N, C-alpha and C. Protein backbone atom coordinates (compact mmCIF):
# COMPACT_ATOMS: atom_id res chain seq x y z
N MET A 1 130.38 119.27 203.50
CA MET A 1 130.77 118.51 202.33
C MET A 1 131.30 119.48 201.28
N THR A 2 132.55 119.34 200.91
CA THR A 2 133.13 120.20 199.89
C THR A 2 133.40 119.45 198.60
N ASP A 3 133.23 118.15 198.61
CA ASP A 3 133.43 117.35 197.41
C ASP A 3 132.16 117.42 196.56
N PRO A 4 132.28 117.79 195.26
CA PRO A 4 131.09 117.88 194.44
C PRO A 4 130.55 116.52 194.00
N ALA A 5 131.05 115.43 194.57
CA ALA A 5 130.58 114.09 194.19
C ALA A 5 129.17 113.85 194.72
N LEU A 6 128.49 112.91 194.09
CA LEU A 6 127.14 112.54 194.53
C LEU A 6 127.21 111.90 195.90
N SER A 7 126.23 112.21 196.73
CA SER A 7 126.14 111.62 198.04
C SER A 7 124.70 111.21 198.28
N ASP A 8 124.50 110.02 198.86
CA ASP A 8 123.15 109.55 199.15
C ASP A 8 122.46 110.42 200.19
N ALA A 9 123.23 111.17 200.97
CA ALA A 9 122.65 112.03 202.00
C ALA A 9 122.11 113.34 201.43
N ASP A 10 122.48 113.66 200.20
CA ASP A 10 122.01 114.89 199.57
C ASP A 10 120.53 114.75 199.19
N PRO A 11 119.80 115.85 199.17
CA PRO A 11 118.39 115.80 198.76
C PRO A 11 118.25 115.23 197.34
N ILE A 12 117.15 114.53 197.11
CA ILE A 12 116.96 113.85 195.82
C ILE A 12 116.96 114.82 194.65
N LEU A 13 116.38 116.01 194.84
CA LEU A 13 116.37 116.99 193.76
C LEU A 13 117.79 117.42 193.39
N VAL A 14 118.63 117.61 194.38
CA VAL A 14 120.03 117.98 194.13
C VAL A 14 120.73 116.85 193.39
N ARG A 15 120.50 115.61 193.79
CA ARG A 15 121.11 114.47 193.10
C ARG A 15 120.61 114.36 191.67
N MET A 16 119.34 114.64 191.44
CA MET A 16 118.79 114.59 190.08
C MET A 16 119.41 115.68 189.21
N ILE A 17 119.55 116.88 189.75
CA ILE A 17 120.18 117.97 188.99
C ILE A 17 121.62 117.63 188.66
N ARG A 18 122.33 117.05 189.61
CA ARG A 18 123.71 116.65 189.36
C ARG A 18 123.78 115.58 188.29
N SER A 19 122.82 114.66 188.30
CA SER A 19 122.80 113.60 187.27
C SER A 19 122.53 114.19 185.89
N VAL A 20 121.63 115.17 185.81
CA VAL A 20 121.37 115.84 184.54
C VAL A 20 122.63 116.55 184.06
N SER A 21 123.34 117.17 184.97
CA SER A 21 124.60 117.84 184.61
C SER A 21 125.61 116.84 184.07
N GLU A 22 125.68 115.67 184.70
CA GLU A 22 126.59 114.62 184.21
C GLU A 22 126.20 114.19 182.79
N LEU A 23 124.91 114.02 182.56
CA LEU A 23 124.42 113.63 181.24
C LEU A 23 124.77 114.71 180.21
N CYS A 24 124.61 115.95 180.58
CA CYS A 24 124.97 117.05 179.68
C CYS A 24 126.46 117.04 179.34
N GLY A 25 127.28 116.66 180.31
CA GLY A 25 128.71 116.54 180.04
C GLY A 25 129.00 115.48 179.00
N VAL A 26 128.29 114.37 179.07
CA VAL A 26 128.46 113.29 178.08
C VAL A 26 127.99 113.76 176.71
N ILE A 27 126.82 114.42 176.67
CA ILE A 27 126.29 114.92 175.40
C ILE A 27 127.24 115.94 174.79
N ALA A 28 127.78 116.84 175.61
CA ALA A 28 128.72 117.84 175.10
C ALA A 28 129.98 117.17 174.55
N ALA A 29 130.47 116.15 175.24
CA ALA A 29 131.65 115.43 174.75
C ALA A 29 131.36 114.74 173.42
N LEU A 30 130.18 114.15 173.29
CA LEU A 30 129.81 113.51 172.03
C LEU A 30 129.68 114.52 170.90
N MET A 31 129.20 115.73 171.22
CA MET A 31 129.12 116.77 170.20
C MET A 31 130.52 117.19 169.73
N ILE A 32 131.44 117.29 170.65
CA ILE A 32 132.83 117.62 170.28
C ILE A 32 133.41 116.50 169.42
N LEU A 33 133.16 115.27 169.81
CA LEU A 33 133.63 114.13 169.02
C LEU A 33 133.03 114.14 167.62
N ALA A 34 131.73 114.42 167.52
CA ALA A 34 131.08 114.50 166.22
C ALA A 34 131.70 115.61 165.37
N SER A 35 132.02 116.73 166.00
CA SER A 35 132.63 117.83 165.24
C SER A 35 134.02 117.44 164.73
N VAL A 36 134.75 116.65 165.49
CA VAL A 36 136.06 116.17 165.03
C VAL A 36 135.89 115.25 163.82
N PHE A 37 134.93 114.33 163.89
CA PHE A 37 134.69 113.42 162.76
C PHE A 37 134.22 114.18 161.52
N ILE A 38 133.36 115.16 161.71
CA ILE A 38 132.89 115.95 160.56
C ILE A 38 134.05 116.74 159.95
N THR A 39 134.92 117.26 160.80
CA THR A 39 136.09 117.98 160.29
C THR A 39 136.98 117.04 159.48
N CYS A 40 137.20 115.83 159.98
CA CYS A 40 138.02 114.85 159.24
C CYS A 40 137.36 114.49 157.91
N GLN A 41 136.04 114.31 157.92
CA GLN A 41 135.32 114.01 156.69
C GLN A 41 135.44 115.16 155.70
N MET A 42 135.36 116.40 156.19
CA MET A 42 135.48 117.57 155.35
C MET A 42 136.87 117.63 154.71
N ILE A 43 137.89 117.34 155.49
CA ILE A 43 139.26 117.35 154.95
C ILE A 43 139.41 116.27 153.89
N PHE A 44 138.86 115.10 154.15
CA PHE A 44 138.92 114.00 153.17
C PHE A 44 138.23 114.40 151.87
N VAL A 45 137.04 114.96 151.96
CA VAL A 45 136.29 115.35 150.77
C VAL A 45 137.03 116.44 149.99
N ARG A 46 137.60 117.40 150.68
CA ARG A 46 138.29 118.49 149.98
C ARG A 46 139.62 118.06 149.38
N LEU A 47 140.44 117.37 150.18
CA LEU A 47 141.80 117.08 149.73
C LEU A 47 141.91 115.80 148.89
N ILE A 48 141.20 114.78 149.24
CA ILE A 48 141.31 113.50 148.53
C ILE A 48 140.34 113.43 147.36
N LEU A 49 139.09 113.74 147.60
CA LEU A 49 138.08 113.65 146.55
C LEU A 49 138.02 114.90 145.68
N LYS A 50 138.74 115.95 146.10
CA LYS A 50 138.77 117.22 145.36
C LYS A 50 137.36 117.74 145.07
N SER A 51 136.52 117.65 146.06
CA SER A 51 135.14 118.10 145.93
C SER A 51 134.89 119.23 146.92
N SER A 52 133.84 119.96 146.69
CA SER A 52 133.53 121.05 147.61
C SER A 52 132.63 120.55 148.74
N THR A 53 132.69 121.27 149.82
CA THR A 53 131.83 120.97 150.97
C THR A 53 130.92 122.16 151.19
N PHE A 54 129.73 121.90 151.71
CA PHE A 54 128.80 123.02 151.89
C PHE A 54 128.16 123.06 153.27
N TRP A 55 128.21 122.00 154.02
CA TRP A 55 127.53 122.00 155.32
C TRP A 55 128.47 121.75 156.49
N GLN A 56 129.64 121.21 156.24
CA GLN A 56 130.50 120.75 157.31
C GLN A 56 130.99 121.85 158.22
N THR A 57 131.50 122.93 157.67
CA THR A 57 132.04 124.01 158.51
C THR A 57 130.96 124.57 159.43
N GLU A 58 129.79 124.81 158.86
CA GLU A 58 128.68 125.35 159.64
C GLU A 58 128.25 124.36 160.73
N ALA A 59 128.19 123.09 160.39
CA ALA A 59 127.80 122.07 161.37
C ALA A 59 128.80 122.00 162.52
N VAL A 60 130.08 122.07 162.21
CA VAL A 60 131.10 122.04 163.25
C VAL A 60 130.97 123.25 164.17
N ILE A 61 130.75 124.42 163.60
CA ILE A 61 130.59 125.63 164.41
C ILE A 61 129.40 125.48 165.35
N TYR A 62 128.27 125.04 164.83
CA TYR A 62 127.06 124.87 165.65
C TYR A 62 127.26 123.81 166.73
N LEU A 63 127.94 122.73 166.39
CA LEU A 63 128.18 121.67 167.37
C LEU A 63 129.08 122.14 168.51
N VAL A 64 130.13 122.87 168.18
CA VAL A 64 131.05 123.34 169.22
C VAL A 64 130.37 124.37 170.12
N ILE A 65 129.57 125.25 169.53
CA ILE A 65 128.84 126.24 170.35
C ILE A 65 127.85 125.52 171.25
N ALA A 66 127.11 124.57 170.69
CA ALA A 66 126.13 123.82 171.49
C ALA A 66 126.81 123.02 172.60
N ALA A 67 127.94 122.42 172.29
CA ALA A 67 128.68 121.65 173.31
C ALA A 67 129.14 122.57 174.44
N THR A 68 129.59 123.76 174.09
CA THR A 68 130.02 124.72 175.10
C THR A 68 128.86 125.12 176.00
N LEU A 69 127.72 125.43 175.41
CA LEU A 69 126.58 125.89 176.19
C LEU A 69 125.94 124.76 177.00
N LEU A 70 125.82 123.58 176.41
CA LEU A 70 125.23 122.46 177.15
C LEU A 70 126.19 121.92 178.20
N GLY A 71 127.48 122.20 178.03
CA GLY A 71 128.47 121.75 179.00
C GLY A 71 128.65 122.67 180.19
N LEU A 72 128.00 123.84 180.17
CA LEU A 72 128.13 124.79 181.29
C LEU A 72 127.78 124.15 182.63
N CYS A 73 126.67 123.42 182.68
CA CYS A 73 126.23 122.84 183.95
C CYS A 73 127.19 121.76 184.42
N TYR A 74 127.76 121.00 183.49
CA TYR A 74 128.71 119.95 183.86
C TYR A 74 129.98 120.56 184.44
N VAL A 75 130.46 121.62 183.81
CA VAL A 75 131.67 122.28 184.30
C VAL A 75 131.40 122.89 185.67
N GLN A 76 130.21 123.47 185.87
CA GLN A 76 129.85 123.99 187.18
C GLN A 76 129.79 122.86 188.20
N ARG A 77 129.26 121.75 187.80
CA ARG A 77 129.16 120.57 188.68
C ARG A 77 130.54 120.14 189.17
N LEU A 78 131.53 120.23 188.27
CA LEU A 78 132.91 119.84 188.63
C LEU A 78 133.71 120.99 189.23
N ARG A 79 133.09 122.16 189.33
CA ARG A 79 133.77 123.38 189.80
C ARG A 79 134.95 123.71 188.89
N GLY A 80 134.71 123.60 187.59
CA GLY A 80 135.78 123.80 186.63
C GLY A 80 135.83 125.18 186.01
N HIS A 81 134.87 126.04 186.33
CA HIS A 81 134.89 127.38 185.76
C HIS A 81 136.05 128.17 186.37
N VAL A 82 136.57 129.09 185.60
CA VAL A 82 137.71 129.89 186.04
C VAL A 82 137.30 130.73 187.24
N GLY A 83 138.14 130.72 188.24
CA GLY A 83 137.89 131.51 189.43
C GLY A 83 139.19 132.01 190.02
N VAL A 84 139.12 133.13 190.67
CA VAL A 84 140.29 133.68 191.35
C VAL A 84 140.18 133.28 192.81
N ASP A 85 141.14 132.52 193.30
CA ASP A 85 141.03 132.00 194.66
C ASP A 85 142.02 132.65 195.63
N LEU A 86 142.69 133.70 195.22
CA LEU A 86 143.64 134.36 196.12
C LEU A 86 142.90 135.03 197.28
N VAL A 87 141.87 135.82 196.96
CA VAL A 87 141.13 136.53 198.01
C VAL A 87 140.41 135.55 198.94
N PRO A 88 139.65 134.56 198.41
CA PRO A 88 139.01 133.62 199.33
C PRO A 88 140.01 132.87 200.21
N GLY A 89 141.19 132.62 199.70
CA GLY A 89 142.21 131.93 200.49
C GLY A 89 142.68 132.72 201.69
N LEU A 90 142.55 134.02 201.62
CA LEU A 90 142.96 134.89 202.71
C LEU A 90 141.83 135.17 203.70
N MET A 91 140.62 134.75 203.37
CA MET A 91 139.44 135.06 204.19
C MET A 91 139.16 133.94 205.19
N PRO A 92 138.54 134.28 206.33
CA PRO A 92 138.10 133.22 207.25
C PRO A 92 136.93 132.44 206.64
N ALA A 93 136.66 131.26 207.20
CA ALA A 93 135.66 130.35 206.64
C ALA A 93 134.28 131.00 206.51
N GLY A 94 133.83 131.74 207.49
CA GLY A 94 132.52 132.38 207.42
C GLY A 94 132.42 133.39 206.29
N ALA A 95 133.46 134.16 206.11
CA ALA A 95 133.48 135.15 205.04
C ALA A 95 133.53 134.46 203.67
N ARG A 96 134.24 133.32 203.58
CA ARG A 96 134.26 132.56 202.32
C ARG A 96 132.86 132.07 201.97
N ARG A 97 132.11 131.66 202.98
CA ARG A 97 130.74 131.17 202.75
C ARG A 97 129.85 132.31 202.25
N ILE A 98 129.96 133.48 202.86
CA ILE A 98 129.18 134.65 202.43
C ILE A 98 129.56 135.04 201.01
N LEU A 99 130.86 135.03 200.71
CA LEU A 99 131.32 135.34 199.36
C LEU A 99 130.77 134.32 198.36
N ALA A 100 130.78 133.05 198.72
CA ALA A 100 130.25 132.00 197.84
C ALA A 100 128.76 132.23 197.56
N LEU A 101 128.00 132.59 198.60
CA LEU A 101 126.57 132.87 198.42
C LEU A 101 126.36 134.06 197.49
N PHE A 102 127.15 135.10 197.67
CA PHE A 102 127.05 136.29 196.83
C PHE A 102 127.38 135.95 195.37
N VAL A 103 128.47 135.22 195.16
CA VAL A 103 128.90 134.87 193.80
C VAL A 103 127.86 133.97 193.13
N LEU A 104 127.34 132.98 193.86
CA LEU A 104 126.32 132.10 193.29
C LEU A 104 125.06 132.88 192.93
N ALA A 105 124.63 133.79 193.81
CA ALA A 105 123.42 134.59 193.53
C ALA A 105 123.63 135.49 192.31
N LEU A 106 124.79 136.10 192.22
CA LEU A 106 125.09 136.97 191.08
C LEU A 106 125.16 136.16 189.78
N THR A 107 125.74 134.99 189.85
CA THR A 107 125.82 134.12 188.66
C THR A 107 124.44 133.64 188.26
N LEU A 108 123.57 133.34 189.23
CA LEU A 108 122.20 132.97 188.92
C LEU A 108 121.48 134.12 188.20
N LEU A 109 121.70 135.32 188.66
CA LEU A 109 121.10 136.49 188.01
C LEU A 109 121.57 136.60 186.56
N MET A 110 122.87 136.46 186.34
CA MET A 110 123.43 136.53 184.99
C MET A 110 122.85 135.42 184.12
N ALA A 111 122.74 134.20 184.65
CA ALA A 111 122.18 133.09 183.89
C ALA A 111 120.71 133.35 183.56
N GLY A 112 119.98 133.94 184.49
CA GLY A 112 118.59 134.28 184.24
C GLY A 112 118.44 135.28 183.10
N VAL A 113 119.31 136.27 183.05
CA VAL A 113 119.29 137.25 181.97
C VAL A 113 119.58 136.55 180.63
N MET A 114 120.56 135.66 180.63
CA MET A 114 120.89 134.92 179.40
C MET A 114 119.74 134.02 178.95
N ILE A 115 119.04 133.42 179.89
CA ILE A 115 117.88 132.59 179.54
C ILE A 115 116.81 133.46 178.87
N TYR A 116 116.53 134.60 179.47
CA TYR A 116 115.49 135.50 178.96
C TYR A 116 115.82 135.95 177.53
N TYR A 117 116.99 136.53 177.34
CA TYR A 117 117.34 137.05 176.03
C TYR A 117 117.64 135.94 175.03
N GLY A 118 118.18 134.83 175.50
CA GLY A 118 118.40 133.69 174.62
C GLY A 118 117.09 133.12 174.11
N PHE A 119 116.09 133.04 175.00
CA PHE A 119 114.78 132.55 174.57
C PHE A 119 114.15 133.52 173.58
N ASP A 120 114.31 134.81 173.81
CA ASP A 120 113.77 135.82 172.90
C ASP A 120 114.36 135.64 171.50
N THR A 121 115.66 135.45 171.41
CA THR A 121 116.32 135.26 170.12
C THR A 121 115.87 133.95 169.48
N PHE A 122 115.81 132.89 170.26
CA PHE A 122 115.33 131.60 169.76
C PHE A 122 113.91 131.75 169.22
N HIS A 123 113.05 132.42 169.96
CA HIS A 123 111.66 132.57 169.54
C HIS A 123 111.54 133.37 168.24
N LEU A 124 112.34 134.42 168.11
CA LEU A 124 112.35 135.18 166.86
C LEU A 124 112.76 134.30 165.68
N ALA A 125 113.82 133.53 165.87
CA ALA A 125 114.30 132.66 164.80
C ALA A 125 113.25 131.60 164.45
N TRP A 126 112.56 131.10 165.46
CA TRP A 126 111.51 130.09 165.24
C TRP A 126 110.30 130.68 164.51
N SER A 127 109.80 131.79 165.04
CA SER A 127 108.57 132.37 164.49
C SER A 127 108.77 132.98 163.10
N ARG A 128 109.96 133.47 162.83
CA ARG A 128 110.22 134.09 161.53
C ARG A 128 110.93 133.15 160.56
N ASN A 129 111.12 131.91 161.00
CA ASN A 129 111.73 130.86 160.16
C ASN A 129 113.08 131.31 159.59
N TRP A 130 113.94 131.88 160.47
CA TRP A 130 115.26 132.31 160.03
C TRP A 130 116.09 131.10 159.63
N LYS A 131 116.85 131.28 158.58
CA LYS A 131 117.77 130.24 158.10
C LYS A 131 119.14 130.86 157.91
N SER A 132 120.17 130.03 157.98
CA SER A 132 121.52 130.54 157.76
C SER A 132 121.65 130.98 156.30
N GLU A 133 122.58 131.87 156.07
CA GLU A 133 122.74 132.41 154.72
C GLU A 133 123.60 131.55 153.83
N SER A 134 123.94 130.36 154.28
CA SER A 134 124.76 129.46 153.49
C SER A 134 123.89 128.67 152.51
N VAL A 135 124.53 127.88 151.68
CA VAL A 135 123.81 127.01 150.74
C VAL A 135 122.99 125.99 151.51
N TRP A 136 123.46 125.60 152.66
CA TRP A 136 122.77 124.61 153.49
C TRP A 136 121.44 125.15 154.01
N ALA A 137 121.35 126.44 154.27
CA ALA A 137 120.15 127.12 154.78
C ALA A 137 119.60 126.42 156.02
N PHE A 138 120.48 126.22 156.99
CA PHE A 138 120.12 125.53 158.22
C PHE A 138 119.18 126.39 159.05
N PRO A 139 118.11 125.82 159.62
CA PRO A 139 117.20 126.59 160.47
C PRO A 139 117.92 127.10 161.72
N LEU A 140 117.95 128.39 161.92
CA LEU A 140 118.74 128.98 163.00
C LEU A 140 118.12 128.80 164.38
N TRP A 141 116.86 128.42 164.47
CA TRP A 141 116.26 128.21 165.78
C TRP A 141 116.95 127.06 166.51
N ILE A 142 117.51 126.12 165.78
CA ILE A 142 118.16 124.97 166.42
C ILE A 142 119.41 125.41 167.19
N PRO A 143 120.38 126.08 166.55
CA PRO A 143 121.53 126.52 167.35
C PRO A 143 121.16 127.59 168.37
N TYR A 144 120.19 128.46 168.05
CA TYR A 144 119.79 129.50 168.99
C TYR A 144 119.11 128.91 170.22
N MET A 145 118.50 127.75 170.07
CA MET A 145 117.83 127.09 171.19
C MET A 145 118.83 126.67 172.27
N THR A 146 120.07 126.42 171.87
CA THR A 146 121.05 125.96 172.85
C THR A 146 121.43 127.04 173.87
N VAL A 147 121.20 128.31 173.54
CA VAL A 147 121.53 129.37 174.50
C VAL A 147 120.59 129.31 175.71
N PRO A 148 119.27 129.41 175.54
CA PRO A 148 118.42 129.33 176.73
C PRO A 148 118.46 127.96 177.39
N LEU A 149 118.59 126.90 176.60
CA LEU A 149 118.64 125.56 177.18
C LEU A 149 119.91 125.37 178.01
N GLY A 150 121.05 125.75 177.46
CA GLY A 150 122.31 125.60 178.18
C GLY A 150 122.34 126.43 179.46
N PHE A 151 121.86 127.65 179.37
CA PHE A 151 121.85 128.50 180.56
C PHE A 151 120.80 128.07 181.57
N ALA A 152 119.68 127.48 181.11
CA ALA A 152 118.69 126.96 182.05
C ALA A 152 119.26 125.78 182.83
N LEU A 153 120.00 124.92 182.15
CA LEU A 153 120.63 123.80 182.85
C LEU A 153 121.72 124.30 183.80
N PHE A 154 122.46 125.30 183.38
CA PHE A 154 123.47 125.94 184.23
C PHE A 154 122.79 126.55 185.46
N PHE A 155 121.63 127.21 185.24
CA PHE A 155 120.85 127.81 186.32
C PHE A 155 120.43 126.74 187.34
N LEU A 156 120.00 125.59 186.86
CA LEU A 156 119.62 124.50 187.76
C LEU A 156 120.79 124.04 188.62
N GLN A 157 121.96 123.85 187.99
CA GLN A 157 123.13 123.40 188.74
C GLN A 157 123.56 124.46 189.74
N LEU A 158 123.52 125.72 189.34
CA LEU A 158 123.85 126.81 190.26
C LEU A 158 122.87 126.84 191.43
N SER A 159 121.59 126.61 191.15
CA SER A 159 120.57 126.58 192.20
C SER A 159 120.84 125.47 193.20
N ALA A 160 121.21 124.30 192.70
CA ALA A 160 121.55 123.18 193.59
C ALA A 160 122.77 123.53 194.44
N ASP A 161 123.77 124.15 193.82
CA ASP A 161 124.96 124.56 194.57
C ASP A 161 124.61 125.61 195.63
N LEU A 162 123.75 126.56 195.25
CA LEU A 162 123.34 127.59 196.20
C LEU A 162 122.57 126.98 197.37
N TYR A 163 121.66 126.07 197.08
CA TYR A 163 120.89 125.42 198.14
C TYR A 163 121.81 124.67 199.10
N MET A 164 122.75 123.92 198.55
CA MET A 164 123.67 123.15 199.40
C MET A 164 124.56 124.08 200.22
N THR A 165 124.89 125.25 199.69
CA THR A 165 125.69 126.21 200.43
C THR A 165 124.86 126.86 201.54
N VAL A 166 123.61 127.19 201.23
CA VAL A 166 122.72 127.81 202.22
C VAL A 166 122.49 126.89 203.41
N ILE A 167 122.28 125.60 203.16
CA ILE A 167 122.03 124.67 204.26
C ILE A 167 123.32 124.22 204.94
N GLY A 168 124.46 124.70 204.45
CA GLY A 168 125.74 124.42 205.10
C GLY A 168 126.35 123.07 204.76
N ARG A 169 125.87 122.42 203.72
CA ARG A 169 126.40 121.12 203.34
C ARG A 169 127.48 121.22 202.27
N ASP A 170 127.69 122.42 201.75
CA ASP A 170 128.67 122.62 200.69
C ASP A 170 129.12 124.07 200.74
N ASN A 171 130.32 124.31 200.29
CA ASN A 171 130.82 125.66 200.12
C ASN A 171 131.84 125.63 198.99
N PRO A 172 131.49 126.21 197.84
CA PRO A 172 132.41 126.19 196.71
C PRO A 172 133.76 126.84 197.01
N LEU A 173 133.81 127.66 198.03
CA LEU A 173 135.06 128.35 198.38
C LEU A 173 135.62 127.84 199.71
N ALA A 174 135.30 126.59 200.05
CA ALA A 174 135.78 126.01 201.31
C ALA A 174 137.30 125.92 201.30
N ALA A 175 137.86 125.82 202.48
CA ALA A 175 139.32 125.81 202.61
C ALA A 175 139.95 124.67 201.82
N SER A 176 139.28 123.54 201.71
CA SER A 176 139.85 122.42 200.98
C SER A 176 139.88 122.68 199.47
N MET A 177 139.08 123.65 199.00
CA MET A 177 139.05 124.00 197.58
C MET A 177 140.03 125.11 197.26
N VAL A 178 140.54 125.79 198.28
CA VAL A 178 141.42 126.94 198.09
C VAL A 178 142.83 126.53 198.50
N PRO A 179 143.81 126.72 197.63
CA PRO A 179 145.18 126.37 198.00
C PRO A 179 145.70 127.27 199.11
N ASP A 180 146.66 126.76 199.85
CA ASP A 180 147.28 127.57 200.89
C ASP A 180 148.03 128.72 200.24
N VAL A 181 147.76 129.93 200.69
CA VAL A 181 148.44 131.10 200.14
C VAL A 181 149.34 131.75 201.17
N LEU A 182 149.20 131.36 202.41
CA LEU A 182 150.07 131.90 203.46
C LEU A 182 151.11 130.86 203.83
N PRO A 183 152.36 131.30 204.08
CA PRO A 183 153.38 130.33 204.46
C PRO A 183 153.05 129.70 205.81
N GLN A 184 153.34 128.42 205.92
CA GLN A 184 153.11 127.69 207.16
C GLN A 184 154.28 127.90 208.11
N LYS A 185 154.05 127.69 209.42
CA LYS A 185 155.14 127.81 210.39
C LYS A 185 156.21 126.79 210.05
N GLY A 186 157.43 127.21 210.11
CA GLY A 186 158.54 126.32 209.82
C GLY A 186 159.00 126.41 208.37
N ASP A 187 158.18 127.07 207.51
CA ASP A 187 158.61 127.25 206.11
C ASP A 187 159.60 128.39 206.07
N SER A 188 160.58 128.25 205.24
CA SER A 188 161.55 129.33 205.12
C SER A 188 161.44 130.02 203.80
């Protein structure tokens, strides 16, 4: 199976992780939408009402960062992360599978490091009651929390992808996912 779509034949835990990733995609989209509305409100207040704004810019920044981090698992679910497919396209199927396992394991390691250090930063902000230096004085533990949370969700989706690749039911670098890079017979 190379299609990242839900399948009733997939293990329930994998389907649950994929569903959580889908939900995160919706939440991330709503955060982006909210940031657009806040930006429009900020423009209205500044240009039409000739008043100052004090929280909007910071809120938009935090929302976009949170949407990016919470959307990691959804993008992984759709196989939307940037990848170089020239080398896998030249490899035989078995080698593509080994490469996929290596890449997934390495990405899991990187996500684990981000969870660890992201949680450390979140915990410091929480325990020391850090606030932004703006007039709004927003508690920084809230945006900092999105780093370990986003990467933990990403870690879950990567784990599901790795499991499906190990059992041979999926391969992120399968031939159907890689464009043809060699000319076919009869092509001039």
